Amino acid sequence: MPAPGSLAALIRLLSGVRVLRAEDLPRGPTVFFANHSSHLDFVVIWAALPPSQRAITRPVAGRDYWEKTRLRRWLAERVFNAVLIERQKVTVASNPLEAMVGALNGGSSLIVFPEGTRSLDGTVHEFKGGLHHLARARPEIPLMPTYLENLNRVLPKGEIIAVPLISSVKMGPPVRLADGETKADFLVRARQALLALTTH
């Protein structure tokens, strides 16, 4: 297996994304929230981060998918250090929020997909409540809107072979939960912050 830096360079070569500038990103734990249209999404965001941020960033991913085969489990645990969460049978003991907040408390950044599932047509769907729960649990941590462009064409849903294309990762100003802001209002505002990147 190539070293993380070499793997990141290979992913950038395949997808066409560029390394983001460290000075444009917060220092320390950050939540990168992005649109979701491909299994490559978190991999491409991870590869686009500068080395200092990449080293502490963990994708949040569904346990049901990433533990289905030995290879997927190995990639999730050993290569990307993913925070694997329960999506099918959530109980108090398997509450996804605990695992995510625990990772933040340990000094990690997270990559999350508030839509909850991949979009077939590239449309950014309504956000589920997880991002709001994170914002309430750790209100001081910046939430960075992260727009992935063209990833649904590099590895469309249902495909297993990636097609090299020019993609991009765009990030906007951080979002934080405002005093007294309702869950519904916050989720709409966070989604709009992400959608605003589609026009730049």
N, C-alpha and C. Protein backbone atom coordinates (compact mmCIF):
# COMPACT_ATOMS: atom_id res chain seq x y z
N MET A 1 0.85 -1.19 0.00
CA MET A 1 0.00 0.00 0.00
C MET A 1 0.89 1.24 0.00
N PRO A 2 0.65 2.21 -0.89
CA PRO A 2 1.47 3.42 -0.91
C PRO A 2 1.29 4.23 0.37
N ALA A 3 2.31 5.05 0.68
CA ALA A 3 2.23 5.93 1.83
C ALA A 3 1.08 6.91 1.64
N PRO A 4 0.52 7.47 2.75
CA PRO A 4 -0.62 8.38 2.61
C PRO A 4 -0.39 9.51 1.62
N GLY A 5 0.81 10.09 1.62
CA GLY A 5 1.07 11.19 0.68
C GLY A 5 1.03 10.74 -0.76
N SER A 6 1.57 9.55 -1.03
CA SER A 6 1.57 9.01 -2.39
C SER A 6 0.16 8.62 -2.81
N LEU A 7 -0.61 8.05 -1.87
CA LEU A 7 -1.99 7.68 -2.17
C LEU A 7 -2.82 8.92 -2.48
N ALA A 8 -2.63 9.97 -1.69
CA ALA A 8 -3.35 11.21 -1.93
C ALA A 8 -3.01 11.79 -3.30
N ALA A 9 -1.73 11.73 -3.67
CA ALA A 9 -1.31 12.25 -4.97
C ALA A 9 -1.95 11.43 -6.10
N LEU A 10 -2.05 10.12 -5.91
CA LEU A 10 -2.67 9.25 -6.92
C LEU A 10 -4.15 9.59 -7.08
N ILE A 11 -4.83 9.82 -5.97
CA ILE A 11 -6.25 10.16 -6.01
C ILE A 11 -6.46 11.50 -6.70
N ARG A 12 -5.58 12.46 -6.42
CA ARG A 12 -5.70 13.77 -7.09
C ARG A 12 -5.46 13.64 -8.59
N LEU A 13 -4.53 12.78 -8.97
CA LEU A 13 -4.25 12.56 -10.39
C LEU A 13 -5.48 11.96 -11.08
N LEU A 14 -6.13 11.02 -10.42
CA LEU A 14 -7.30 10.36 -10.98
C LEU A 14 -8.49 11.32 -11.10
N SER A 15 -8.68 12.14 -10.07
CA SER A 15 -9.88 12.98 -10.02
C SER A 15 -9.68 14.37 -10.59
N GLY A 16 -8.43 14.83 -10.65
CA GLY A 16 -8.15 16.16 -11.14
C GLY A 16 -8.25 17.26 -10.10
N VAL A 17 -8.49 16.91 -8.83
CA VAL A 17 -8.60 17.95 -7.79
C VAL A 17 -7.20 18.45 -7.41
N ARG A 18 -7.16 19.65 -6.85
CA ARG A 18 -5.91 20.24 -6.41
C ARG A 18 -5.87 20.29 -4.89
N VAL A 19 -4.66 20.39 -4.35
CA VAL A 19 -4.51 20.51 -2.91
C VAL A 19 -5.01 21.88 -2.46
N LEU A 20 -5.83 21.90 -1.43
CA LEU A 20 -6.32 23.15 -0.87
C LEU A 20 -5.20 23.84 -0.09
N ARG A 21 -5.27 25.15 0.02
CA ARG A 21 -4.24 25.89 0.72
C ARG A 21 -4.48 25.83 2.23
N ALA A 22 -3.44 25.51 2.98
CA ALA A 22 -3.56 25.39 4.43
C ALA A 22 -4.07 26.68 5.06
N GLU A 23 -3.64 27.82 4.51
CA GLU A 23 -4.04 29.11 5.08
C GLU A 23 -5.53 29.41 4.89
N ASP A 24 -6.20 28.68 4.02
CA ASP A 24 -7.62 28.88 3.80
C ASP A 24 -8.49 28.01 4.71
N LEU A 25 -7.85 27.16 5.51
CA LEU A 25 -8.57 26.22 6.35
C LEU A 25 -8.34 26.52 7.83
N PRO A 26 -9.32 26.18 8.68
CA PRO A 26 -9.11 26.36 10.12
C PRO A 26 -7.99 25.44 10.61
N ARG A 27 -7.35 25.84 11.67
CA ARG A 27 -6.38 24.96 12.32
C ARG A 27 -7.11 24.14 13.37
N GLY A 28 -6.70 22.91 13.52
CA GLY A 28 -7.32 22.06 14.54
C GLY A 28 -8.59 21.41 14.05
N PRO A 29 -9.32 20.77 14.96
CA PRO A 29 -10.52 20.01 14.58
C PRO A 29 -11.53 20.85 13.82
N THR A 30 -12.02 20.28 12.74
CA THR A 30 -12.97 20.93 11.84
C THR A 30 -13.95 19.87 11.35
N VAL A 31 -15.17 20.27 11.05
CA VAL A 31 -16.13 19.37 10.41
C VAL A 31 -16.32 19.86 8.98
N PHE A 32 -15.91 19.03 8.02
CA PHE A 32 -16.12 19.33 6.60
C PHE A 32 -17.42 18.65 6.19
N PHE A 33 -18.43 19.44 5.83
CA PHE A 33 -19.70 18.83 5.41
C PHE A 33 -19.89 19.05 3.91
N ALA A 34 -20.22 17.96 3.20
CA ALA A 34 -20.18 17.98 1.74
C ALA A 34 -21.41 17.33 1.12
N ASN A 35 -21.61 17.64 -0.16
CA ASN A 35 -22.61 16.93 -0.94
C ASN A 35 -22.11 15.51 -1.23
N HIS A 36 -23.05 14.61 -1.52
CA HIS A 36 -22.69 13.19 -1.60
C HIS A 36 -23.26 12.57 -2.87
N SER A 37 -22.36 12.19 -3.80
CA SER A 37 -22.84 11.59 -5.05
C SER A 37 -22.02 10.39 -5.50
N SER A 38 -20.96 10.03 -4.73
CA SER A 38 -20.07 8.96 -5.17
C SER A 38 -19.36 8.34 -3.97
N HIS A 39 -18.96 7.08 -4.13
CA HIS A 39 -18.16 6.44 -3.08
C HIS A 39 -16.78 7.09 -2.97
N LEU A 40 -16.38 7.85 -3.96
CA LEU A 40 -15.08 8.53 -3.92
C LEU A 40 -15.12 9.84 -3.15
N ASP A 41 -16.28 10.28 -2.72
CA ASP A 41 -16.41 11.61 -2.15
C ASP A 41 -15.45 11.87 -1.00
N PHE A 42 -15.49 11.03 0.03
CA PHE A 42 -14.63 11.32 1.18
C PHE A 42 -13.17 11.12 0.83
N VAL A 43 -12.89 10.18 -0.08
CA VAL A 43 -11.51 9.93 -0.50
C VAL A 43 -10.93 11.17 -1.17
N VAL A 44 -11.72 11.81 -2.02
CA VAL A 44 -11.25 12.99 -2.76
C VAL A 44 -11.07 14.18 -1.82
N ILE A 45 -12.00 14.38 -0.88
CA ILE A 45 -11.82 15.46 0.09
C ILE A 45 -10.55 15.23 0.89
N TRP A 46 -10.36 14.03 1.37
CA TRP A 46 -9.16 13.66 2.14
C TRP A 46 -7.90 13.97 1.34
N ALA A 47 -7.89 13.61 0.07
CA ALA A 47 -6.71 13.82 -0.78
C ALA A 47 -6.46 15.28 -1.07
N ALA A 48 -7.53 16.09 -1.08
CA ALA A 48 -7.39 17.52 -1.39
C ALA A 48 -6.91 18.34 -0.20
N LEU A 49 -6.98 17.78 1.00
CA LEU A 49 -6.55 18.51 2.18
C LEU A 49 -5.02 18.60 2.22
N PRO A 50 -4.48 19.71 2.73
CA PRO A 50 -3.03 19.79 2.91
C PRO A 50 -2.59 18.76 3.95
N PRO A 51 -1.34 18.30 3.90
CA PRO A 51 -0.88 17.20 4.76
C PRO A 51 -1.19 17.39 6.25
N SER A 52 -1.05 18.60 6.77
CA SER A 52 -1.27 18.82 8.20
C SER A 52 -2.72 18.54 8.60
N GLN A 53 -3.66 18.93 7.76
CA GLN A 53 -5.07 18.69 8.06
C GLN A 53 -5.46 17.26 7.69
N ARG A 54 -4.90 16.75 6.60
CA ARG A 54 -5.21 15.37 6.19
C ARG A 54 -4.85 14.37 7.28
N ALA A 55 -3.77 14.63 7.99
CA ALA A 55 -3.28 13.69 9.01
C ALA A 55 -4.25 13.52 10.17
N ILE A 56 -5.12 14.52 10.41
CA ILE A 56 -6.03 14.42 11.55
C ILE A 56 -7.49 14.24 11.12
N THR A 57 -7.73 14.10 9.82
CA THR A 57 -9.11 14.08 9.32
C THR A 57 -9.61 12.65 9.11
N ARG A 58 -10.80 12.39 9.64
CA ARG A 58 -11.40 11.06 9.56
C ARG A 58 -12.78 11.15 8.89
N PRO A 59 -13.01 10.36 7.85
CA PRO A 59 -14.34 10.34 7.24
C PRO A 59 -15.33 9.59 8.13
N VAL A 60 -16.57 10.05 8.12
CA VAL A 60 -17.64 9.34 8.80
C VAL A 60 -18.38 8.53 7.74
N ALA A 61 -18.47 7.23 7.95
CA ALA A 61 -19.01 6.35 6.90
C ALA A 61 -19.88 5.27 7.50
N GLY A 62 -20.80 4.75 6.69
CA GLY A 62 -21.73 3.73 7.14
C GLY A 62 -21.06 2.38 7.37
N ARG A 63 -21.23 1.86 8.57
CA ARG A 63 -20.65 0.56 8.91
C ARG A 63 -21.17 -0.55 8.00
N ASP A 64 -22.45 -0.46 7.62
CA ASP A 64 -23.06 -1.52 6.81
C ASP A 64 -22.36 -1.69 5.47
N TYR A 65 -21.86 -0.57 4.88
CA TYR A 65 -21.17 -0.67 3.59
C TYR A 65 -19.70 -1.02 3.77
N TRP A 66 -19.01 -0.34 4.68
CA TRP A 66 -17.56 -0.47 4.78
C TRP A 66 -17.10 -1.71 5.53
N GLU A 67 -18.02 -2.43 6.16
CA GLU A 67 -17.63 -3.69 6.80
C GLU A 67 -18.15 -4.90 6.04
N LYS A 68 -18.64 -4.65 4.82
CA LYS A 68 -19.23 -5.74 4.04
C LYS A 68 -18.18 -6.72 3.53
N THR A 69 -16.99 -6.24 3.22
CA THR A 69 -15.91 -7.12 2.74
C THR A 69 -14.64 -6.83 3.52
N ARG A 70 -13.69 -7.77 3.47
CA ARG A 70 -12.42 -7.57 4.18
C ARG A 70 -11.66 -6.38 3.63
N LEU A 71 -11.67 -6.20 2.31
CA LEU A 71 -10.94 -5.08 1.69
C LEU A 71 -11.52 -3.75 2.14
N ARG A 72 -12.84 -3.63 2.09
CA ARG A 72 -13.46 -2.37 2.51
C ARG A 72 -13.15 -2.08 3.97
N ARG A 73 -13.25 -3.11 4.81
CA ARG A 73 -12.98 -2.92 6.24
C ARG A 73 -11.54 -2.49 6.46
N TRP A 74 -10.62 -3.10 5.72
CA TRP A 74 -9.20 -2.75 5.85
C TRP A 74 -8.95 -1.31 5.41
N LEU A 75 -9.55 -0.91 4.29
CA LEU A 75 -9.39 0.46 3.81
C LEU A 75 -9.95 1.46 4.83
N ALA A 76 -11.14 1.17 5.34
CA ALA A 76 -11.78 2.09 6.27
C ALA A 76 -10.98 2.23 7.56
N GLU A 77 -10.50 1.10 8.09
CA GLU A 77 -9.86 1.12 9.39
C GLU A 77 -8.37 1.46 9.32
N ARG A 78 -7.67 0.89 8.35
CA ARG A 78 -6.21 1.00 8.34
C ARG A 78 -5.69 2.14 7.47
N VAL A 79 -6.43 2.49 6.42
CA VAL A 79 -5.94 3.52 5.50
C VAL A 79 -6.53 4.88 5.83
N PHE A 80 -7.87 4.95 5.98
CA PHE A 80 -8.52 6.24 6.17
C PHE A 80 -8.93 6.52 7.61
N ASN A 81 -8.75 5.53 8.50
CA ASN A 81 -9.09 5.73 9.92
C ASN A 81 -10.51 6.27 10.07
N ALA A 82 -11.42 5.67 9.34
CA ALA A 82 -12.80 6.15 9.29
C ALA A 82 -13.52 5.97 10.63
N VAL A 83 -14.46 6.85 10.90
CA VAL A 83 -15.39 6.68 12.01
C VAL A 83 -16.60 5.96 11.43
N LEU A 84 -16.70 4.67 11.69
CA LEU A 84 -17.79 3.87 11.13
C LEU A 84 -19.00 3.95 12.05
N ILE A 85 -20.14 4.31 11.46
CA ILE A 85 -21.34 4.51 12.26
C ILE A 85 -22.46 3.57 11.81
N GLU A 86 -23.35 3.29 12.74
CA GLU A 86 -24.51 2.44 12.46
C GLU A 86 -25.58 3.28 11.77
N ARG A 87 -26.10 2.78 10.66
CA ARG A 87 -27.16 3.49 9.94
C ARG A 87 -28.46 2.70 9.91
N GLN A 88 -28.38 1.38 10.09
CA GLN A 88 -29.55 0.54 9.91
C GLN A 88 -30.35 0.33 11.19
N LYS A 89 -29.65 -0.06 12.26
CA LYS A 89 -30.33 -0.37 13.53
C LYS A 89 -29.69 0.45 14.64
N VAL A 90 -30.00 1.73 14.64
CA VAL A 90 -29.40 2.64 15.62
C VAL A 90 -30.05 2.44 16.99
N THR A 91 -29.22 2.25 18.01
CA THR A 91 -29.67 2.12 19.39
C THR A 91 -28.94 3.15 20.23
N VAL A 92 -29.28 3.21 21.50
CA VAL A 92 -28.58 4.13 22.41
C VAL A 92 -27.10 3.79 22.44
N ALA A 93 -26.79 2.49 22.43
CA ALA A 93 -25.39 2.05 22.51
C ALA A 93 -24.62 2.35 21.22
N SER A 94 -25.33 2.42 20.08
CA SER A 94 -24.64 2.64 18.79
C SER A 94 -24.95 4.02 18.22
N ASN A 95 -25.28 4.97 19.08
CA ASN A 95 -25.60 6.33 18.66
C ASN A 95 -24.44 6.92 17.86
N PRO A 96 -24.65 7.26 16.58
CA PRO A 96 -23.56 7.80 15.76
C PRO A 96 -22.94 9.08 16.33
N LEU A 97 -23.76 9.89 17.01
CA LEU A 97 -23.26 11.16 17.53
C LEU A 97 -22.13 10.94 18.53
N GLU A 98 -22.25 9.91 19.36
CA GLU A 98 -21.21 9.66 20.36
C GLU A 98 -19.86 9.39 19.71
N ALA A 99 -19.85 8.59 18.67
CA ALA A 99 -18.60 8.27 17.99
C ALA A 99 -17.99 9.50 17.33
N MET A 100 -18.84 10.34 16.74
CA MET A 100 -18.34 11.54 16.06
C MET A 100 -17.81 12.58 17.06
N VAL A 101 -18.56 12.80 18.13
CA VAL A 101 -18.11 13.75 19.15
C VAL A 101 -16.85 13.23 19.82
N GLY A 102 -16.77 11.92 20.03
CA GLY A 102 -15.57 11.33 20.61
C GLY A 102 -14.35 11.58 19.75
N ALA A 103 -14.51 11.47 18.44
CA ALA A 103 -13.40 11.74 17.52
C ALA A 103 -12.98 13.20 17.58
N LEU A 104 -13.95 14.11 17.62
CA LEU A 104 -13.64 15.54 17.74
C LEU A 104 -12.94 15.83 19.06
N ASN A 105 -13.42 15.22 20.13
CA ASN A 105 -12.81 15.41 21.44
C ASN A 105 -11.37 14.92 21.46
N GLY A 106 -11.08 13.93 20.62
CA GLY A 106 -9.73 13.39 20.53
C GLY A 106 -8.81 14.18 19.62
N GLY A 107 -9.32 15.27 19.05
CA GLY A 107 -8.49 16.13 18.22
C GLY A 107 -8.59 15.88 16.73
N SER A 108 -9.53 15.04 16.32
CA SER A 108 -9.69 14.74 14.90
C SER A 108 -10.64 15.71 14.23
N SER A 109 -10.47 15.89 12.92
CA SER A 109 -11.46 16.54 12.07
C SER A 109 -12.33 15.45 11.45
N LEU A 110 -13.50 15.84 10.96
CA LEU A 110 -14.43 14.87 10.37
C LEU A 110 -14.87 15.31 8.99
N ILE A 111 -15.15 14.34 8.13
CA ILE A 111 -15.81 14.56 6.85
C ILE A 111 -17.19 13.92 6.96
N VAL A 112 -18.25 14.71 6.81
CA VAL A 112 -19.61 14.19 6.93
C VAL A 112 -20.44 14.58 5.72
N PHE A 113 -21.51 13.82 5.51
CA PHE A 113 -22.41 14.04 4.37
C PHE A 113 -23.83 14.19 4.92
N PRO A 114 -24.27 15.44 5.15
CA PRO A 114 -25.55 15.66 5.83
C PRO A 114 -26.78 15.14 5.09
N GLU A 115 -26.66 14.89 3.78
CA GLU A 115 -27.81 14.34 3.05
C GLU A 115 -28.13 12.92 3.49
N GLY A 116 -27.11 12.22 4.00
CA GLY A 116 -27.32 10.89 4.53
C GLY A 116 -27.16 9.77 3.52
N THR A 117 -27.41 10.05 2.25
CA THR A 117 -27.25 9.05 1.20
C THR A 117 -26.82 9.74 -0.08
N ARG A 118 -26.33 8.96 -1.03
CA ARG A 118 -25.82 9.55 -2.26
C ARG A 118 -26.95 10.01 -3.19
N SER A 119 -26.70 11.11 -3.88
CA SER A 119 -27.64 11.64 -4.86
C SER A 119 -27.37 11.01 -6.22
N LEU A 120 -28.43 10.61 -6.91
CA LEU A 120 -28.29 9.99 -8.23
C LEU A 120 -28.03 11.00 -9.34
N ASP A 121 -28.55 12.21 -9.16
CA ASP A 121 -28.47 13.21 -10.24
C ASP A 121 -27.62 14.43 -9.90
N GLY A 122 -26.95 14.40 -8.75
CA GLY A 122 -26.12 15.53 -8.37
C GLY A 122 -26.85 16.61 -7.59
N THR A 123 -28.16 16.48 -7.45
CA THR A 123 -28.94 17.44 -6.67
C THR A 123 -28.56 17.33 -5.20
N VAL A 124 -28.39 18.47 -4.52
CA VAL A 124 -28.11 18.47 -3.09
C VAL A 124 -29.44 18.40 -2.35
N HIS A 125 -29.71 17.26 -1.72
CA HIS A 125 -30.99 17.06 -1.06
C HIS A 125 -31.02 17.72 0.32
N GLU A 126 -32.19 17.72 0.93
CA GLU A 126 -32.34 18.30 2.27
C GLU A 126 -31.41 17.60 3.26
N PHE A 127 -30.91 18.38 4.23
CA PHE A 127 -29.99 17.83 5.23
C PHE A 127 -30.76 17.12 6.34
N LYS A 128 -30.21 16.01 6.81
CA LYS A 128 -30.73 15.34 7.99
C LYS A 128 -30.16 16.03 9.23
N GLY A 129 -30.60 15.61 10.40
CA GLY A 129 -30.30 16.35 11.63
C GLY A 129 -28.91 16.20 12.21
N GLY A 130 -28.12 15.26 11.70
CA GLY A 130 -26.82 14.98 12.32
C GLY A 130 -25.90 16.19 12.43
N LEU A 131 -25.87 17.03 11.40
CA LEU A 131 -24.98 18.19 11.42
C LEU A 131 -25.39 19.15 12.55
N HIS A 132 -26.68 19.29 12.77
CA HIS A 132 -27.15 20.15 13.86
C HIS A 132 -26.74 19.58 15.21
N HIS A 133 -26.84 18.28 15.37
CA HIS A 133 -26.44 17.66 16.64
C HIS A 133 -24.95 17.89 16.92
N LEU A 134 -24.13 17.79 15.87
CA LEU A 134 -22.70 18.06 16.04
C LEU A 134 -22.47 19.51 16.43
N ALA A 135 -23.18 20.41 15.76
CA ALA A 135 -23.02 21.84 16.05
C ALA A 135 -23.42 22.16 17.49
N ARG A 136 -24.44 21.50 17.98
CA ARG A 136 -24.86 21.73 19.37
C ARG A 136 -23.86 21.13 20.36
N ALA A 137 -23.33 19.96 20.03
CA ALA A 137 -22.42 19.28 20.94
C ALA A 137 -21.07 20.00 21.05
N ARG A 138 -20.58 20.53 19.92
CA ARG A 138 -19.29 21.22 19.90
C ARG A 138 -19.43 22.52 19.12
N PRO A 139 -20.12 23.52 19.69
CA PRO A 139 -20.43 24.75 18.95
C PRO A 139 -19.22 25.58 18.54
N GLU A 140 -18.08 25.35 19.19
CA GLU A 140 -16.88 26.13 18.86
C GLU A 140 -16.14 25.60 17.65
N ILE A 141 -16.47 24.41 17.20
CA ILE A 141 -15.76 23.81 16.06
C ILE A 141 -16.34 24.32 14.74
N PRO A 142 -15.50 24.82 13.84
CA PRO A 142 -16.01 25.33 12.56
C PRO A 142 -16.56 24.22 11.68
N LEU A 143 -17.65 24.51 11.01
CA LEU A 143 -18.27 23.59 10.05
C LEU A 143 -18.03 24.17 8.66
N MET A 144 -17.24 23.46 7.86
CA MET A 144 -16.82 23.99 6.56
C MET A 144 -17.66 23.41 5.43
N PRO A 145 -18.48 24.23 4.74
CA PRO A 145 -19.20 23.72 3.57
C PRO A 145 -18.20 23.34 2.48
N THR A 146 -18.36 22.14 1.94
CA THR A 146 -17.39 21.57 1.00
C THR A 146 -18.14 21.02 -0.19
N TYR A 147 -17.99 21.68 -1.33
CA TYR A 147 -18.74 21.26 -2.52
C TYR A 147 -17.86 20.46 -3.47
N LEU A 148 -18.32 19.27 -3.80
CA LEU A 148 -17.63 18.38 -4.73
C LEU A 148 -18.29 18.49 -6.09
N GLU A 149 -17.52 18.88 -7.08
CA GLU A 149 -18.05 19.07 -8.42
C GLU A 149 -17.56 17.96 -9.35
N ASN A 150 -18.50 17.30 -10.00
CA ASN A 150 -18.20 16.30 -11.03
C ASN A 150 -17.87 14.91 -10.50
N LEU A 151 -17.89 14.71 -9.18
CA LEU A 151 -17.53 13.39 -8.65
C LEU A 151 -18.55 12.32 -9.04
N ASN A 152 -19.82 12.73 -9.22
CA ASN A 152 -20.83 11.74 -9.62
C ASN A 152 -20.56 11.18 -11.02
N ARG A 153 -19.73 11.89 -11.82
CA ARG A 153 -19.39 11.39 -13.15
C ARG A 153 -18.11 10.56 -13.14
N VAL A 154 -17.25 10.80 -12.13
CA VAL A 154 -16.02 10.01 -12.02
C VAL A 154 -16.33 8.58 -11.59
N LEU A 155 -17.20 8.45 -10.58
CA LEU A 155 -17.62 7.12 -10.13
C LEU A 155 -19.11 7.18 -9.79
N PRO A 156 -19.97 7.04 -10.82
CA PRO A 156 -21.42 7.11 -10.58
C PRO A 156 -21.89 6.00 -9.66
N LYS A 157 -23.03 6.22 -9.04
CA LYS A 157 -23.62 5.21 -8.16
C LYS A 157 -23.86 3.93 -8.96
N GLY A 158 -23.43 2.80 -8.40
CA GLY A 158 -23.61 1.52 -9.06
C GLY A 158 -22.43 1.08 -9.90
N GLU A 159 -21.46 1.97 -10.14
CA GLU A 159 -20.28 1.63 -10.92
C GLU A 159 -19.11 1.29 -10.00
N ILE A 160 -18.17 0.51 -10.50
CA ILE A 160 -17.01 0.14 -9.69
C ILE A 160 -15.70 0.61 -10.33
N ILE A 161 -15.75 1.05 -11.59
CA ILE A 161 -14.55 1.53 -12.28
C ILE A 161 -14.62 3.06 -12.40
N ALA A 162 -13.58 3.74 -11.88
CA ALA A 162 -13.55 5.19 -11.94
C ALA A 162 -13.12 5.66 -13.33
N VAL A 163 -13.72 6.75 -13.78
CA VAL A 163 -13.39 7.34 -15.07
C VAL A 163 -12.66 8.66 -14.81
N PRO A 164 -11.40 8.78 -15.18
CA PRO A 164 -10.67 10.03 -14.90
C PRO A 164 -11.33 11.24 -15.55
N LEU A 165 -11.66 12.22 -14.75
CA LEU A 165 -12.27 13.47 -15.22
C LEU A 165 -11.73 14.61 -14.36
N ILE A 166 -11.98 15.82 -14.77
CA ILE A 166 -11.57 16.96 -13.98
C ILE A 166 -12.66 17.28 -12.96
N SER A 167 -12.33 17.12 -11.71
CA SER A 167 -13.26 17.42 -10.62
C SER A 167 -12.67 18.55 -9.78
N SER A 168 -13.45 19.03 -8.84
CA SER A 168 -12.94 20.08 -7.96
C SER A 168 -13.56 19.97 -6.58
N VAL A 169 -12.83 20.50 -5.61
CA VAL A 169 -13.31 20.61 -4.23
C VAL A 169 -13.29 22.09 -3.87
N LYS A 170 -14.46 22.62 -3.53
CA LYS A 170 -14.57 24.04 -3.16
C LYS A 170 -15.03 24.13 -1.71
N MET A 171 -14.43 25.06 -0.97
CA MET A 171 -14.84 25.27 0.42
C MET A 171 -15.23 26.72 0.63
N GLY A 172 -16.28 26.91 1.44
CA GLY A 172 -16.75 28.25 1.75
C GLY A 172 -16.44 28.64 3.17
N PRO A 173 -16.87 29.82 3.59
CA PRO A 173 -16.65 30.28 4.96
C PRO A 173 -17.30 29.33 5.97
N PRO A 174 -16.71 29.18 7.14
CA PRO A 174 -17.27 28.27 8.14
C PRO A 174 -18.64 28.71 8.62
N VAL A 175 -19.44 27.72 8.98
CA VAL A 175 -20.79 27.93 9.51
C VAL A 175 -20.78 27.52 10.98
N ARG A 176 -21.46 28.30 11.81
CA ARG A 176 -21.62 27.94 13.22
C ARG A 176 -23.07 28.12 13.62
N LEU A 177 -23.49 27.37 14.62
CA LEU A 177 -24.86 27.47 15.13
C LEU A 177 -25.03 28.79 15.86
N ALA A 178 -26.04 29.57 15.47
CA ALA A 178 -26.30 30.86 16.09
C ALA A 178 -27.13 30.68 17.37
N ASP A 179 -26.96 31.59 18.32
CA ASP A 179 -27.74 31.54 19.56
C ASP A 179 -29.23 31.58 19.24
N GLY A 180 -29.95 30.62 19.78
CA GLY A 180 -31.40 30.58 19.60
C GLY A 180 -31.86 30.07 18.25
N GLU A 181 -30.95 29.68 17.38
CA GLU A 181 -31.34 29.21 16.05
C GLU A 181 -31.97 27.83 16.13
N THR A 182 -33.08 27.65 15.45
CA THR A 182 -33.75 26.36 15.47
C THR A 182 -33.00 25.35 14.59
N LYS A 183 -33.28 24.10 14.85
CA LYS A 183 -32.67 23.03 14.05
C LYS A 183 -33.01 23.20 12.57
N ALA A 184 -34.29 23.45 12.28
CA ALA A 184 -34.72 23.58 10.89
C ALA A 184 -34.03 24.75 10.20
N ASP A 185 -33.95 25.89 10.90
CA ASP A 185 -33.32 27.07 10.30
C ASP A 185 -31.83 26.84 10.07
N PHE A 186 -31.19 26.19 11.03
CA PHE A 186 -29.76 25.93 10.90
C PHE A 186 -29.48 25.03 9.71
N LEU A 187 -30.26 23.97 9.56
CA LEU A 187 -30.03 23.03 8.46
C LEU A 187 -30.27 23.68 7.10
N VAL A 188 -31.26 24.54 7.02
CA VAL A 188 -31.50 25.28 5.77
C VAL A 188 -30.32 26.19 5.48
N ARG A 189 -29.83 26.90 6.50
CA ARG A 189 -28.72 27.84 6.31
C ARG A 189 -27.44 27.10 5.92
N ALA A 190 -27.18 25.95 6.55
CA ALA A 190 -25.98 25.17 6.22
C ALA A 190 -26.06 24.66 4.78
N ARG A 191 -27.25 24.20 4.37
CA ARG A 191 -27.42 23.72 3.00
C ARG A 191 -27.22 24.86 2.00
N GLN A 192 -27.74 26.04 2.33
CA GLN A 192 -27.57 27.19 1.44
C GLN A 192 -26.09 27.58 1.32
N ALA A 193 -25.34 27.45 2.40
CA ALA A 193 -23.91 27.74 2.36
C ALA A 193 -23.19 26.80 1.40
N LEU A 194 -23.66 25.56 1.35
CA LEU A 194 -23.08 24.59 0.42
C LEU A 194 -23.51 24.90 -1.01
N LEU A 195 -24.80 25.19 -1.20
CA LEU A 195 -25.30 25.48 -2.53
C LEU A 195 -24.67 26.74 -3.13
N ALA A 196 -24.31 27.68 -2.26
CA ALA A 196 -23.71 28.93 -2.75
C ALA A 196 -22.41 28.66 -3.49
N LEU A 197 -21.75 27.55 -3.17
CA LEU A 197 -20.47 27.22 -3.81
C LEU A 197 -20.67 26.72 -5.24
N THR A 198 -21.88 26.36 -5.60
CA THR A 198 -22.14 25.85 -6.96
C THR A 198 -22.12 26.98 -7.98
N THR A 199 -22.21 28.21 -7.52
CA THR A 199 -22.26 29.36 -8.45
C THR A 199 -20.91 30.03 -8.61
N HIS A 200 -19.88 29.54 -7.91
CA HIS A 200 -18.56 30.19 -7.98
C HIS A 200 -17.65 29.45 -8.95
